[in-house]
Amino acid sequence: MAAGTALAPDLSNWDPNNEETWDSRIAWRTLWITTYSMILAFCTWYIVSTVAPQLNKVGFDLTKAQLYWLVSMPGLAAGIFRLTWMFLPPLLGTRKLVTLSSLLLLIPMLGWTFAVRDSGTPYSTLLLLAFACGIGGGVFSGYMPSTGYFFPKSKSGTALGTQAGIGNFGMSIIQVLGPWVMGFGLLGTAFLTPQQAAGHPIWLHNVGLVLVPWTVLAAVLAWFFLRDVPVKANFRQQMDIFGNRNTWALMLIYLMTFGAFSGFAAQFVLLVNNTFGITSKFVPASGDVSGLVAGAAFGFLPPLIASAVRVAWGPLCDRFGGALWTFVAGVGMSISILVAATFLNPSSPDEYKGFLVSMFAMFFFAGIGNAGTFKQMPMIMPPRQAGGVIGFTAAIASFGPFFVGVALANLDAHAFFIGCGIFFILCTLLTWVMYARPRAPFPG
């Protein structure tokens, strides 16, 4: 029997694990439209990490600590917003959720467009706009559970890995697109005069502006082409996930994988600049930084690596199970972050090569862990609870940019990296004991 032939027109009997009451066309259409909106959401989340390194060049006067705090603010906001969005899929349904979320992204996009045009914009306003960018990270905890309702368990690793991984590409896209569109007036907006950086024009406002029409398109697509499935629960009913110990274990594990990935990716450009490059101890008295590494040259790579790996490992998690790959990821992340720590008190700027290799290895393994953990959740729990746990763990992990930013602004970087390594080891042991070892109590 063809898939979907017994499915009610209003989807009232939707059951993705029953071939007769599942329509793959609806499921994949939902995934692709939601993923398109998520790409733009992650672009929005990382607008600040793209703009912040340029602010002092166009007339702002911000300290290193202020810049770290500015870049960390979207992480704080995303965690808070995700704690809200995690409850929305059963309340609003997929169609309204994706449409309204897409429209909300316009607030930080347009806000940053106008803020960077005036170097007199108060720091408090910049912080508020950075907080608003957290909407882009927050929608993840609504989009992922919502999409998860549309797919059977046998395809959950591929579906969720594809959506999360491709959505995460937004972090790389804005890191590549942003510096490019700073170089010219966008079609139809050339009347917006550029800012001046070292006597040269720079259209810094384009970083937010370029995303606006594509985001409007996302809202239109969501409203006209998405459907809702009958997964309903009020706020009180959704709280039952907190009585399941797997919720807390998976929260810690996902904080290791996605929390570290998002946190270090957001701060990567500033970290490289301050340790090896244009704002480091290696800047000569003449101020000539032409021979030093520029973090912006590598800023797009961390999210690109982790996102691509997350997509690639979705089918492997469906085949071999998520727990195994989460454990492998934990081992790799633990080793690579501790190796990276050895390069944080460099005697030569050339040591950045070893630092980059070890950090890129960490992002590679983080991508594996992100795919593995999200495969585990729908295997261990029923659909509605799995959706809630996906939303909650994603909410806590999205504090990563905030945690990492605050730590780098206030702690010794080497000590912080060592602390991260210890945390990764503990989470890896937790994965082995509860999920990955032979006869584990919760294999998945």
Protein backbone atom coordinates (compact mmCIF):
# COMPACT_ATOMS: atom_id res chain seq x y z
CA MET A 1 0.00 0.00 0.00
CA ALA A 2 1.34 3.43 -0.89
CA ALA A 3 2.40 5.64 1.97
CA GLY A 4 -0.32 8.01 3.08
CA THR A 5 -3.35 6.30 1.38
CA ALA A 6 -5.21 5.88 4.69
CA LEU A 7 -4.19 9.23 6.08
CA ALA A 8 -7.07 11.54 7.00
CA PRO A 9 -7.15 14.83 5.02
CA ASP A 10 -6.87 16.86 8.25
CA LEU A 11 -3.97 14.62 9.47
CA SER A 12 -6.04 13.72 12.55
CA ASN A 13 -4.74 10.14 12.52
CA TRP A 14 -1.13 11.01 11.74
CA ASP A 15 1.29 8.32 12.95
CA PRO A 16 4.74 8.40 11.31
CA ASN A 17 5.57 4.91 12.57
CA ASN A 18 2.62 3.47 10.62
CA GLU A 19 3.25 3.53 6.88
CA GLU A 20 -0.49 3.83 6.15
CA THR A 21 -0.91 6.99 8.24
CA TRP A 22 2.29 8.76 7.23
CA ASP A 23 2.92 10.90 4.18
CA SER A 24 6.61 11.28 3.40
CA ARG A 25 5.92 14.25 1.10
CA ILE A 26 4.42 16.27 3.94
CA ALA A 27 7.24 15.23 6.26
CA TRP A 28 10.05 16.22 3.91
CA ARG A 29 8.32 19.43 2.83
CA THR A 30 8.09 20.36 6.50
CA LEU A 31 11.74 19.60 7.04
CA TRP A 32 12.97 21.65 4.08
CA ILE A 33 10.87 24.77 4.75
CA THR A 34 11.65 24.69 8.46
CA THR A 35 15.33 24.13 7.72
CA TYR A 36 15.36 27.11 5.34
CA SER A 37 13.96 29.30 8.13
CA MET A 38 16.45 27.80 10.58
CA ILE A 39 19.40 28.73 8.35
CA LEU A 40 18.28 32.35 8.52
CA ALA A 41 17.72 32.01 12.27
CA PHE A 42 21.28 30.86 12.85
CA CYS A 43 22.55 33.65 10.59
CA THR A 44 20.69 36.04 12.88
CA TRP A 45 22.09 34.39 16.02
CA TYR A 46 25.65 34.99 14.79
CA ILE A 47 25.24 38.50 13.38
CA VAL A 48 26.99 39.90 16.45
CA SER A 49 30.02 37.61 16.14
CA THR A 50 30.40 38.93 12.57
CA VAL A 51 29.82 42.61 13.35
CA ALA A 52 31.58 42.95 16.73
CA PRO A 53 35.20 42.63 15.46
CA GLN A 54 34.49 45.56 13.09
CA LEU A 55 32.83 47.98 15.51
CA ASN A 56 35.96 49.76 16.74
CA LYS A 57 37.10 50.18 13.14
CA VAL A 58 34.02 52.31 12.34
CA GLY A 59 34.26 54.63 15.31
CA PHE A 60 33.04 52.71 18.35
CA ASP A 61 35.30 52.56 21.41
CA LEU A 62 34.74 49.20 23.09
CA THR A 63 37.14 47.27 25.32
CA LYS A 64 38.03 43.59 24.84
CA ALA A 65 35.78 42.69 27.77
CA GLN A 66 32.88 44.67 26.30
CA LEU A 67 33.28 42.89 22.97
CA TYR A 68 33.37 39.47 24.66
CA TRP A 69 30.21 40.36 26.57
CA LEU A 70 28.55 41.65 23.41
CA VAL A 71 29.26 38.43 21.51
CA SER A 72 28.17 36.31 24.49
CA MET A 73 24.79 38.03 24.85
CA PRO A 74 23.04 36.14 21.99
CA GLY A 75 23.97 32.91 23.75
CA LEU A 76 22.36 34.02 26.99
CA ALA A 77 19.26 35.14 25.11
CA ALA A 78 19.05 31.96 23.02
CA GLY A 79 19.00 29.82 26.14
CA ILE A 80 16.19 31.89 27.62
CA PHE A 81 14.23 31.94 24.36
CA ARG A 82 14.68 28.19 23.89
CA LEU A 83 13.16 27.57 27.31
CA THR A 84 10.09 29.31 25.87
CA TRP A 85 10.12 27.85 22.35
CA MET A 86 10.40 24.29 23.68
CA PHE A 87 6.79 24.47 24.85
CA LEU A 88 5.36 26.00 21.66
CA PRO A 89 5.12 23.09 19.15
CA PRO A 90 2.17 21.37 20.91
CA LEU A 91 0.57 24.74 21.64
CA LEU A 92 0.84 26.54 18.29
CA GLY A 93 1.43 23.82 15.72
CA THR A 94 4.15 23.83 13.09
CA ARG A 95 2.56 26.32 10.68
CA LYS A 96 2.07 29.21 13.10
CA LEU A 97 5.29 28.45 14.95
CA VAL A 98 7.58 28.73 11.91
CA THR A 99 5.70 31.68 10.40
CA LEU A 100 5.75 33.82 13.56
CA SER A 101 9.32 32.85 14.40
CA SER A 102 10.51 33.89 10.94
CA LEU A 103 8.86 37.29 11.30
CA LEU A 104 10.43 37.85 14.72
CA LEU A 105 13.88 37.47 13.18
CA LEU A 106 13.33 40.77 11.39
CA ILE A 107 13.66 42.66 14.70
CA PRO A 108 17.42 42.06 15.26
CA MET A 109 18.18 42.17 11.53
CA LEU A 110 16.75 45.66 11.11
CA GLY A 111 17.96 46.75 14.55
CA TRP A 112 21.61 46.06 13.72
CA THR A 113 21.16 47.60 10.28
CA PHE A 114 20.47 50.98 11.86
CA ALA A 115 22.60 50.69 15.04
CA VAL A 116 25.97 50.30 13.32
CA ARG A 117 25.37 53.37 11.17
CA ASP A 118 25.93 55.62 14.18
CA SER A 119 29.07 55.11 16.28
CA GLY A 120 27.32 57.04 19.03
CA THR A 121 24.83 54.23 19.57
CA PRO A 122 24.97 53.50 23.33
CA TYR A 123 26.57 50.26 24.46
CA SER A 124 23.35 49.40 26.28
CA THR A 125 21.49 49.52 22.96
CA LEU A 126 24.08 47.24 21.37
CA LEU A 127 23.64 44.77 24.24
CA LEU A 128 19.86 44.86 23.79
CA LEU A 129 20.17 44.19 20.06
CA ALA A 130 22.67 41.40 20.76
CA PHE A 131 20.11 39.90 23.13
CA ALA A 132 17.47 40.12 20.38
CA CYS A 133 19.74 38.09 18.09
CA GLY A 134 19.17 35.24 20.53
CA ILE A 135 15.75 34.78 18.92
CA GLY A 136 17.66 33.16 16.08
CA GLY A 137 19.12 30.58 18.42
CA GLY A 138 15.90 30.22 20.39
CA VAL A 139 13.68 28.99 17.57
CA PHE A 140 15.76 25.79 17.36
CA SER A 141 13.98 24.36 20.41
CA GLY A 142 10.65 24.78 18.64
CA TYR A 143 11.65 23.79 15.14
CA MET A 144 13.44 20.54 15.96
CA PRO A 145 10.73 18.93 18.13
CA SER A 146 8.09 20.07 15.64
CA THR A 147 9.90 18.43 12.73
CA GLY A 148 10.53 15.34 14.83
CA TYR A 149 6.76 14.75 15.02
CA PHE A 150 6.70 14.20 11.26
CA PHE A 151 9.23 11.34 10.99
CA PRO A 152 9.31 7.69 12.12
CA LYS A 153 11.96 6.54 14.57
CA SER A 154 13.82 4.70 11.80
CA LYS A 155 14.45 8.00 9.99
CA SER A 156 14.80 10.30 12.99
CA GLY A 157 18.60 10.39 12.92
CA THR A 158 18.70 11.33 9.26
CA ALA A 159 15.87 13.88 9.52
CA LEU A 160 17.01 15.64 12.68
CA GLY A 161 20.67 15.46 11.70
CA THR A 162 19.89 16.96 8.32
CA GLN A 163 17.75 19.77 9.70
CA ALA A 164 20.06 20.68 12.56
CA GLY A 165 23.22 20.33 10.48
CA ILE A 166 22.02 22.34 7.51
CA GLY A 167 20.41 24.87 9.83
CA ASN A 168 23.72 25.25 11.65
CA PHE A 169 25.29 26.24 8.32
CA GLY A 170 23.71 29.63 8.96
CA MET A 171 26.53 30.27 11.42
CA SER A 172 29.08 29.81 8.64
CA ILE A 173 27.03 31.58 6.01
CA ILE A 174 26.89 34.82 7.98
CA GLN A 175 30.63 34.58 8.73
CA VAL A 176 31.33 34.39 4.97
CA LEU A 177 28.48 36.53 3.67
CA GLY A 178 28.91 39.28 6.25
CA PRO A 179 32.48 40.36 5.37
CA TRP A 180 31.62 40.15 1.67
CA VAL A 181 28.51 42.36 1.74
CA MET A 182 30.36 44.91 3.89
CA GLY A 183 32.29 45.81 0.76
CA PHE A 184 29.54 47.38 -1.35
CA GLY A 185 26.10 48.98 -1.31
CA LEU A 186 23.35 46.39 -1.75
CA LEU A 187 21.12 46.73 -4.80
CA GLY A 188 18.51 49.37 -4.09
CA THR A 189 20.05 50.47 -0.80
CA ALA A 190 23.19 52.23 -2.01
CA PHE A 191 21.66 55.47 -0.71
CA LEU A 192 22.57 54.24 2.80
CA THR A 193 25.97 55.88 3.13
CA PRO A 194 28.82 53.60 4.24
CA GLN A 195 30.79 53.90 7.45
CA GLN A 196 34.48 54.75 7.36
CA ALA A 197 37.16 52.29 8.53
CA ALA A 198 40.74 53.58 8.35
CA GLY A 199 39.66 56.00 5.64
CA HIS A 200 37.96 53.34 3.53
CA PRO A 201 34.19 52.86 3.11
CA ILE A 202 32.56 49.84 4.75
CA TRP A 203 28.85 48.97 4.59
CA LEU A 204 28.68 47.27 7.99
CA HIS A 205 24.89 47.71 8.07
CA ASN A 206 24.56 45.24 5.19
CA VAL A 207 25.20 42.28 7.51
CA GLY A 208 21.68 42.51 8.91
CA LEU A 209 20.00 44.07 5.90
CA VAL A 210 20.96 41.35 3.40
CA LEU A 211 18.93 38.74 5.34
CA VAL A 212 15.62 40.64 5.40
CA PRO A 213 14.01 39.65 2.05
CA TRP A 214 14.94 35.98 2.49
CA THR A 215 13.36 35.97 5.94
CA VAL A 216 10.12 37.44 4.63
CA LEU A 217 10.12 34.62 2.05
CA ALA A 218 10.54 32.06 4.84
CA ALA A 219 7.45 33.39 6.63
CA VAL A 220 5.42 33.25 3.40
CA LEU A 221 6.49 29.67 2.64
CA ALA A 222 5.69 28.53 6.17
CA TRP A 223 2.23 30.08 6.18
CA PHE A 224 1.13 28.66 2.84
CA PHE A 225 2.81 25.25 2.73
CA LEU A 226 3.20 23.85 6.27
CA ARG A 227 0.68 21.65 8.10
CA ASP A 228 0.03 20.76 11.74
CA VAL A 229 -0.03 17.22 13.15
CA PRO A 230 -2.15 16.18 16.18
CA VAL A 231 0.47 16.42 18.92
CA LYS A 232 -1.09 18.56 21.62
CA ALA A 233 -0.19 19.17 25.25
CA ASN A 234 -0.60 22.07 27.63
CA PHE A 235 2.24 23.58 29.61
CA ARG A 236 1.65 21.47 32.74
CA GLN A 237 1.54 18.20 30.80
CA GLN A 238 4.86 18.98 29.14
CA MET A 239 6.59 19.33 32.52
CA ASP A 240 6.64 15.55 32.94
CA ILE A 241 9.98 15.34 31.14
CA PHE A 242 11.72 16.65 34.25
CA GLY A 243 10.85 13.50 36.15
CA ASN A 244 12.87 11.38 33.73
CA ARG A 245 16.57 11.07 34.59
CA ASN A 246 17.44 10.76 30.91
CA THR A 247 16.41 14.40 30.48
CA TRP A 248 19.17 15.52 32.84
CA ALA A 249 21.82 13.12 31.55
CA LEU A 250 21.21 14.08 27.93
CA MET A 251 21.20 17.75 28.91
CA LEU A 252 24.76 17.45 30.23
CA ILE A 253 25.91 15.47 27.20
CA TYR A 254 24.40 17.93 24.73
CA LEU A 255 25.92 20.79 26.70
CA MET A 256 29.27 19.12 25.99
CA THR A 257 28.61 18.73 22.26
CA PHE A 258 26.46 21.63 21.10
CA GLY A 259 27.29 23.92 24.02
CA ALA A 260 31.00 23.73 23.27
CA PHE A 261 30.46 23.92 19.52
CA SER A 262 28.23 27.01 19.64
CA GLY A 263 30.24 28.70 22.39
CA PHE A 264 33.68 28.38 20.88
CA ALA A 265 32.38 29.06 17.36
CA ALA A 266 30.85 32.36 18.50
CA GLN A 267 34.03 33.51 20.24
CA PHE A 268 36.51 31.97 17.78
CA VAL A 269 37.45 35.12 15.87
CA LEU A 270 38.02 37.15 19.03
CA LEU A 271 39.92 34.28 20.66
CA VAL A 272 42.32 33.91 17.72
CA ASN A 273 42.79 37.68 17.43
CA ASN A 274 43.49 38.11 21.14
CA THR A 275 45.82 35.09 21.45
CA PHE A 276 47.78 35.13 18.19
CA GLY A 277 46.69 38.04 16.05
CA ILE A 278 45.79 41.66 15.65
CA THR A 279 44.96 42.33 19.32
CA SER A 280 47.54 39.98 20.88
CA LYS A 281 50.90 40.52 22.59
CA PHE A 282 52.60 39.93 19.23
CA VAL A 283 51.54 43.28 17.78
CA PRO A 284 54.81 45.26 17.25
CA ALA A 285 55.31 48.77 18.60
CA SER A 286 54.80 50.10 15.09
CA GLY A 287 51.26 48.74 15.12
CA ASP A 288 51.82 46.86 11.87
CA VAL A 289 49.63 43.74 12.05
CA SER A 290 49.93 42.74 8.40
CA GLY A 291 52.04 39.69 9.25
CA LEU A 292 49.77 38.41 12.01
CA VAL A 293 46.91 35.93 11.76
CA ALA A 294 43.41 37.41 11.43
CA GLY A 295 40.72 35.39 13.16
CA ALA A 296 38.10 36.46 10.62
CA ALA A 297 39.90 34.40 7.99
CA PHE A 298 38.97 31.24 9.90
CA GLY A 299 35.71 32.30 11.54
CA PHE A 300 33.45 30.44 9.12
CA LEU A 301 35.23 27.10 9.50
CA PRO A 302 34.16 25.97 13.00
CA PRO A 303 30.41 26.01 12.26
CA LEU A 304 31.02 24.69 8.74
CA ILE A 305 32.95 21.68 10.02
CA ALA A 306 30.54 20.78 12.81
CA SER A 307 27.43 21.37 10.69
CA ALA A 308 28.66 19.26 7.76
CA VAL A 309 29.63 16.42 10.08
CA ARG A 310 26.25 16.57 11.79
CA VAL A 311 24.48 16.08 8.46
CA ALA A 312 26.83 13.30 7.35
CA TRP A 313 26.53 11.36 10.60
CA GLY A 314 22.70 11.31 10.70
CA PRO A 315 22.41 8.16 8.53
CA LEU A 316 25.30 6.53 10.41
CA CYS A 317 23.46 7.14 13.68
CA ASP A 318 20.34 5.52 12.20
CA ARG A 319 22.44 2.50 11.25
CA PHE A 320 24.68 2.03 14.30
CA GLY A 321 22.80 3.92 17.02
CA GLY A 322 23.34 7.36 18.47
CA ALA A 323 24.93 6.30 21.78
CA LEU A 324 28.01 4.79 20.15
CA TRP A 325 28.73 7.93 18.17
CA THR A 326 28.07 10.20 21.13
CA PHE A 327 30.68 8.25 23.08
CA VAL A 328 33.20 8.48 20.23
CA ALA A 329 32.54 12.22 20.06
CA GLY A 330 33.17 12.66 23.78
CA VAL A 331 36.53 10.89 23.58
CA GLY A 332 37.60 13.00 20.60
CA MET A 333 36.43 16.27 22.13
CA SER A 334 38.20 15.56 25.43
CA ILE A 335 41.53 14.90 23.75
CA SER A 336 41.35 17.79 21.28
CA ILE A 337 40.34 20.49 23.80
CA LEU A 338 43.20 19.48 26.12
CA VAL A 339 45.66 19.61 23.22
CA ALA A 340 44.32 23.06 22.25
CA ALA A 341 44.95 24.26 25.80
CA THR A 342 48.70 23.72 25.35
CA PHE A 343 48.79 26.49 22.73
CA LEU A 344 47.10 29.22 24.76
CA ASN A 345 50.27 30.74 26.18
CA PRO A 346 52.20 30.96 22.90
CA SER A 347 55.77 32.18 22.53
CA SER A 348 55.32 32.67 18.79
CA PRO A 349 52.33 33.53 16.58
CA ASP A 350 53.24 30.50 14.48
CA GLU A 351 51.79 28.28 17.21
CA TYR A 352 48.32 29.21 15.99
CA LYS A 353 48.62 26.38 13.44
CA GLY A 354 48.60 23.76 16.18
CA PHE A 355 45.80 25.58 17.94
CA LEU A 356 43.68 25.65 14.78
CA VAL A 357 44.18 21.95 14.06
CA SER A 358 43.23 20.89 17.58
CA MET A 359 40.20 23.21 17.67
CA PHE A 360 39.01 22.07 14.27
CA ALA A 361 39.28 18.48 15.54
CA MET A 362 37.10 19.43 18.49
CA PHE A 363 34.48 20.92 16.17
CA PHE A 364 34.59 17.76 14.03
CA PHE A 365 33.85 15.53 17.01
CA ALA A 366 31.24 17.97 18.33
CA GLY A 367 29.36 17.55 15.05
CA ILE A 368 29.35 13.77 15.54
CA GLY A 369 28.10 14.21 19.10
CA ASN A 370 25.32 16.56 18.06
CA ALA A 371 24.01 14.00 15.58
CA GLY A 372 24.38 11.12 18.03
CA THR A 373 22.61 12.78 20.94
CA PHE A 374 19.61 13.84 18.86
CA LYS A 375 19.27 10.28 17.55
CA GLN A 376 19.17 8.97 21.13
CA MET A 377 16.26 11.11 22.31
CA PRO A 378 13.46 9.78 20.05
CA MET A 379 14.75 6.23 20.54
CA ILE A 380 14.62 6.41 24.33
CA MET A 381 11.37 8.36 24.80
CA PRO A 382 7.86 8.57 23.27
CA PRO A 383 7.37 11.25 20.56
CA ARG A 384 5.90 14.07 22.67
CA GLN A 385 8.40 13.61 25.50
CA ALA A 386 11.25 13.26 23.03
CA GLY A 387 10.21 16.58 21.51
CA GLY A 388 10.25 18.23 24.92
CA VAL A 389 13.64 16.81 25.80
CA ILE A 390 15.06 17.91 22.44
CA GLY A 391 13.81 21.41 23.17
CA PHE A 392 15.06 21.51 26.75
CA THR A 393 18.52 20.09 26.12
CA ALA A 394 18.92 22.43 23.16
CA ALA A 395 17.90 25.34 25.39
CA ILE A 396 20.54 24.65 28.00
CA ALA A 397 23.24 23.94 25.41
CA SER A 398 22.53 27.22 23.64
CA PHE A 399 23.89 29.06 26.67
CA GLY A 400 27.27 27.93 25.29
CA PRO A 401 28.20 31.26 23.67
CA PHE A 402 27.32 33.05 26.89
CA PHE A 403 29.27 30.68 29.16
CA VAL A 404 32.32 30.71 26.91
CA GLY A 405 32.21 34.47 26.40
CA VAL A 406 31.95 35.24 30.11
CA ALA A 407 34.71 32.75 30.92
CA LEU A 408 37.09 34.19 28.34
CA ALA A 409 36.34 37.72 29.54
CA ASN A 410 37.02 36.92 33.19
CA LEU A 411 39.21 33.80 33.45
CA ASP A 412 42.59 32.62 32.21
CA ALA A 413 41.92 30.95 28.85
CA HIS A 414 44.28 28.02 29.56
CA ALA A 415 42.59 27.20 32.86
CA PHE A 416 39.16 27.45 31.22
CA PHE A 417 40.15 25.01 28.45
CA ILE A 418 41.44 22.54 31.05
CA GLY A 419 38.15 22.85 32.93
CA CYS A 420 36.27 22.14 29.70
CA GLY A 421 38.40 19.04 29.15
CA ILE A 422 37.51 17.69 32.59
CA PHE A 423 33.82 18.35 31.95
CA PHE A 424 34.02 16.56 28.60
CA ILE A 425 35.63 13.51 30.22
CA LEU A 426 32.88 13.30 32.85
CA CYS A 427 30.16 13.56 30.17
CA THR A 428 31.88 10.87 28.11
CA LEU A 429 31.89 8.53 31.10
CA LEU A 430 28.20 9.28 31.66
CA THR A 431 27.48 8.38 28.03
CA TRP A 432 29.32 5.08 28.39
CA VAL A 433 27.64 4.05 31.64
CA MET A 434 24.04 4.96 30.73
CA TYR A 435 23.89 4.49 26.96
CA ALA A 436 26.88 3.06 25.09
CA ARG A 437 28.28 0.12 27.08
CA PRO A 438 27.10 -3.46 26.58
CA ARG A 439 23.84 -4.01 28.50
CA ALA A 440 23.49 -0.28 29.13
CA PRO A 441 20.16 0.58 30.79
CA PHE A 442 19.10 2.96 28.00
CA PRO A 443 20.68 1.93 24.66
CA GLY A 444 19.73 4.11 21.75
